[in-house]
Amino acid sequence: MPGGPFGSIFGLLLLVAVIYAIVRIAQSGAEPVWKAVWIAGVIVVPIVGLILWALFGPK
């Protein structure tokens, strides 16, 4: 099993974080085009996208 049990746990935590971020982005008051950009970024590059969203995303 590649990654062992920690790979599975990390993958599950990453999936939960991505879903949480997408929901928060969708509920934000940002313009729809910026919502789409943030959601695409979080989906395409999840780790980097989550970090950038946490630092610079709509509050």
N, C-alpha and C. Protein backbone atom coordinates (compact mmCIF):
# COMPACT_ATOMS: atom_id res chain seq x y z
N MET A 1 0.86 -1.18 0.00
CA MET A 1 0.00 0.00 0.00
C MET A 1 0.90 1.24 0.00
N PRO A 2 0.89 2.02 -1.06
CA PRO A 2 1.71 3.23 -1.12
C PRO A 2 1.27 4.26 -0.08
N GLY A 3 2.24 4.77 0.65
CA GLY A 3 1.93 5.80 1.64
C GLY A 3 1.50 5.25 2.98
N GLY A 4 1.15 4.00 3.03
CA GLY A 4 0.71 3.40 4.29
C GLY A 4 -0.55 4.06 4.81
N PRO A 5 -0.84 3.83 6.08
CA PRO A 5 -2.08 4.39 6.65
C PRO A 5 -2.07 5.91 6.73
N PHE A 6 -0.87 6.51 6.83
CA PHE A 6 -0.82 7.97 6.93
C PHE A 6 -1.18 8.64 5.62
N GLY A 7 -0.90 7.98 4.50
CA GLY A 7 -1.30 8.52 3.20
C GLY A 7 -2.81 8.59 3.08
N SER A 8 -3.48 7.58 3.58
CA SER A 8 -4.94 7.56 3.53
C SER A 8 -5.54 8.63 4.43
N ILE A 9 -4.96 8.78 5.61
CA ILE A 9 -5.46 9.79 6.54
C ILE A 9 -5.24 11.19 5.98
N PHE A 10 -4.04 11.42 5.42
CA PHE A 10 -3.75 12.72 4.82
C PHE A 10 -4.69 13.01 3.66
N GLY A 11 -4.93 12.02 2.82
CA GLY A 11 -5.85 12.20 1.69
C GLY A 11 -7.25 12.53 2.14
N LEU A 12 -7.71 11.86 3.17
CA LEU A 12 -9.05 12.13 3.70
C LEU A 12 -9.13 13.53 4.30
N LEU A 13 -8.11 13.93 5.06
CA LEU A 13 -8.09 15.28 5.63
C LEU A 13 -8.04 16.35 4.54
N LEU A 14 -7.27 16.08 3.49
CA LEU A 14 -7.19 17.02 2.37
C LEU A 14 -8.55 17.14 1.69
N LEU A 15 -9.23 16.03 1.48
CA LEU A 15 -10.55 16.06 0.86
C LEU A 15 -11.54 16.87 1.70
N VAL A 16 -11.52 16.66 3.01
CA VAL A 16 -12.42 17.40 3.90
C VAL A 16 -12.10 18.89 3.84
N ALA A 17 -10.81 19.24 3.84
CA ALA A 17 -10.41 20.65 3.79
C ALA A 17 -10.84 21.29 2.48
N VAL A 18 -10.70 20.58 1.38
CA VAL A 18 -11.10 21.11 0.06
C VAL A 18 -12.61 21.34 0.02
N ILE A 19 -13.37 20.39 0.50
CA ILE A 19 -14.84 20.53 0.52
C ILE A 19 -15.23 21.71 1.40
N TYR A 20 -14.61 21.83 2.57
CA TYR A 20 -14.89 22.96 3.47
C TYR A 20 -14.58 24.29 2.78
N ALA A 21 -13.43 24.37 2.13
CA ALA A 21 -13.05 25.61 1.44
C ALA A 21 -14.03 25.95 0.33
N ILE A 22 -14.44 24.97 -0.44
CA ILE A 22 -15.38 25.22 -1.54
C ILE A 22 -16.70 25.74 -1.00
N VAL A 23 -17.19 25.15 0.07
CA VAL A 23 -18.45 25.62 0.67
C VAL A 23 -18.31 27.04 1.18
N ARG A 24 -17.20 27.34 1.88
CA ARG A 24 -16.98 28.69 2.40
C ARG A 24 -16.84 29.71 1.27
N ILE A 25 -16.15 29.33 0.21
CA ILE A 25 -15.99 30.23 -0.93
C ILE A 25 -17.35 30.50 -1.57
N ALA A 26 -18.14 29.45 -1.76
CA ALA A 26 -19.45 29.60 -2.40
C ALA A 26 -20.37 30.48 -1.56
N GLN A 27 -20.23 30.46 -0.24
CA GLN A 27 -21.09 31.24 0.64
C GLN A 27 -20.58 32.66 0.86
N SER A 28 -19.39 32.96 0.38
CA SER A 28 -18.80 34.28 0.62
C SER A 28 -19.53 35.34 -0.20
N GLY A 29 -19.27 36.58 0.12
CA GLY A 29 -19.89 37.69 -0.57
C GLY A 29 -19.10 38.18 -1.77
N ALA A 30 -18.11 37.41 -2.19
CA ALA A 30 -17.26 37.82 -3.31
C ALA A 30 -18.04 37.78 -4.63
N GLU A 31 -17.49 38.45 -5.61
CA GLU A 31 -18.08 38.42 -6.95
C GLU A 31 -18.05 36.99 -7.49
N PRO A 32 -19.06 36.61 -8.27
CA PRO A 32 -19.11 35.24 -8.79
C PRO A 32 -17.87 34.81 -9.57
N VAL A 33 -17.27 35.72 -10.32
CA VAL A 33 -16.08 35.35 -11.08
C VAL A 33 -14.93 35.01 -10.15
N TRP A 34 -14.78 35.76 -9.03
CA TRP A 34 -13.71 35.47 -8.08
C TRP A 34 -13.99 34.18 -7.33
N LYS A 35 -15.26 33.90 -7.06
CA LYS A 35 -15.61 32.62 -6.44
C LYS A 35 -15.16 31.48 -7.34
N ALA A 36 -15.45 31.61 -8.63
CA ALA A 36 -15.06 30.57 -9.58
C ALA A 36 -13.55 30.40 -9.65
N VAL A 37 -12.83 31.51 -9.62
CA VAL A 37 -11.36 31.45 -9.67
C VAL A 37 -10.82 30.74 -8.43
N TRP A 38 -11.31 31.11 -7.25
CA TRP A 38 -10.84 30.48 -6.02
C TRP A 38 -11.19 28.99 -5.99
N ILE A 39 -12.41 28.65 -6.38
CA ILE A 39 -12.81 27.24 -6.38
C ILE A 39 -11.96 26.44 -7.36
N ALA A 40 -11.71 26.98 -8.54
CA ALA A 40 -10.86 26.29 -9.52
C ALA A 40 -9.46 26.10 -8.97
N GLY A 41 -8.94 27.12 -8.32
CA GLY A 41 -7.59 27.01 -7.74
C GLY A 41 -7.50 25.95 -6.67
N VAL A 42 -8.51 25.89 -5.82
CA VAL A 42 -8.52 24.90 -4.74
C VAL A 42 -8.66 23.48 -5.31
N ILE A 43 -9.40 23.34 -6.40
CA ILE A 43 -9.58 22.01 -6.99
C ILE A 43 -8.35 21.58 -7.79
N VAL A 44 -7.78 22.49 -8.58
CA VAL A 44 -6.67 22.14 -9.47
C VAL A 44 -5.38 21.88 -8.68
N VAL A 45 -5.06 22.74 -7.75
CA VAL A 45 -3.85 22.57 -6.92
C VAL A 45 -4.28 22.64 -5.45
N PRO A 46 -4.77 21.54 -4.91
CA PRO A 46 -5.44 21.59 -3.61
C PRO A 46 -4.58 22.12 -2.46
N ILE A 47 -3.36 21.66 -2.31
CA ILE A 47 -2.57 22.09 -1.15
C ILE A 47 -2.21 23.57 -1.28
N VAL A 48 -1.67 23.95 -2.41
CA VAL A 48 -1.30 25.34 -2.64
C VAL A 48 -2.55 26.22 -2.64
N GLY A 49 -3.61 25.75 -3.29
CA GLY A 49 -4.86 26.51 -3.34
C GLY A 49 -5.45 26.76 -1.96
N LEU A 50 -5.41 25.74 -1.11
CA LEU A 50 -5.92 25.92 0.26
C LEU A 50 -5.09 26.93 1.04
N ILE A 51 -3.78 26.85 0.90
CA ILE A 51 -2.91 27.78 1.61
C ILE A 51 -3.16 29.21 1.14
N LEU A 52 -3.21 29.39 -0.18
CA LEU A 52 -3.45 30.74 -0.72
C LEU A 52 -4.82 31.27 -0.31
N TRP A 53 -5.83 30.40 -0.36
CA TRP A 53 -7.17 30.83 0.03
C TRP A 53 -7.19 31.22 1.51
N ALA A 54 -6.51 30.44 2.36
CA ALA A 54 -6.49 30.75 3.78
C ALA A 54 -5.80 32.10 4.05
N LEU A 55 -4.77 32.41 3.24
CA LEU A 55 -4.04 33.65 3.45
C LEU A 55 -4.68 34.86 2.80
N PHE A 56 -5.18 34.69 1.56
CA PHE A 56 -5.63 35.83 0.76
C PHE A 56 -7.08 35.80 0.32
N GLY A 57 -7.78 34.74 0.64
CA GLY A 57 -9.14 34.56 0.14
C GLY A 57 -10.13 35.53 0.72
N PRO A 58 -11.33 35.52 0.18
CA PRO A 58 -12.38 36.40 0.68
C PRO A 58 -12.72 36.06 2.12
N LYS A 59 -12.86 37.09 2.90
CA LYS A 59 -13.15 36.90 4.33
C LYS A 59 -14.61 37.13 4.61
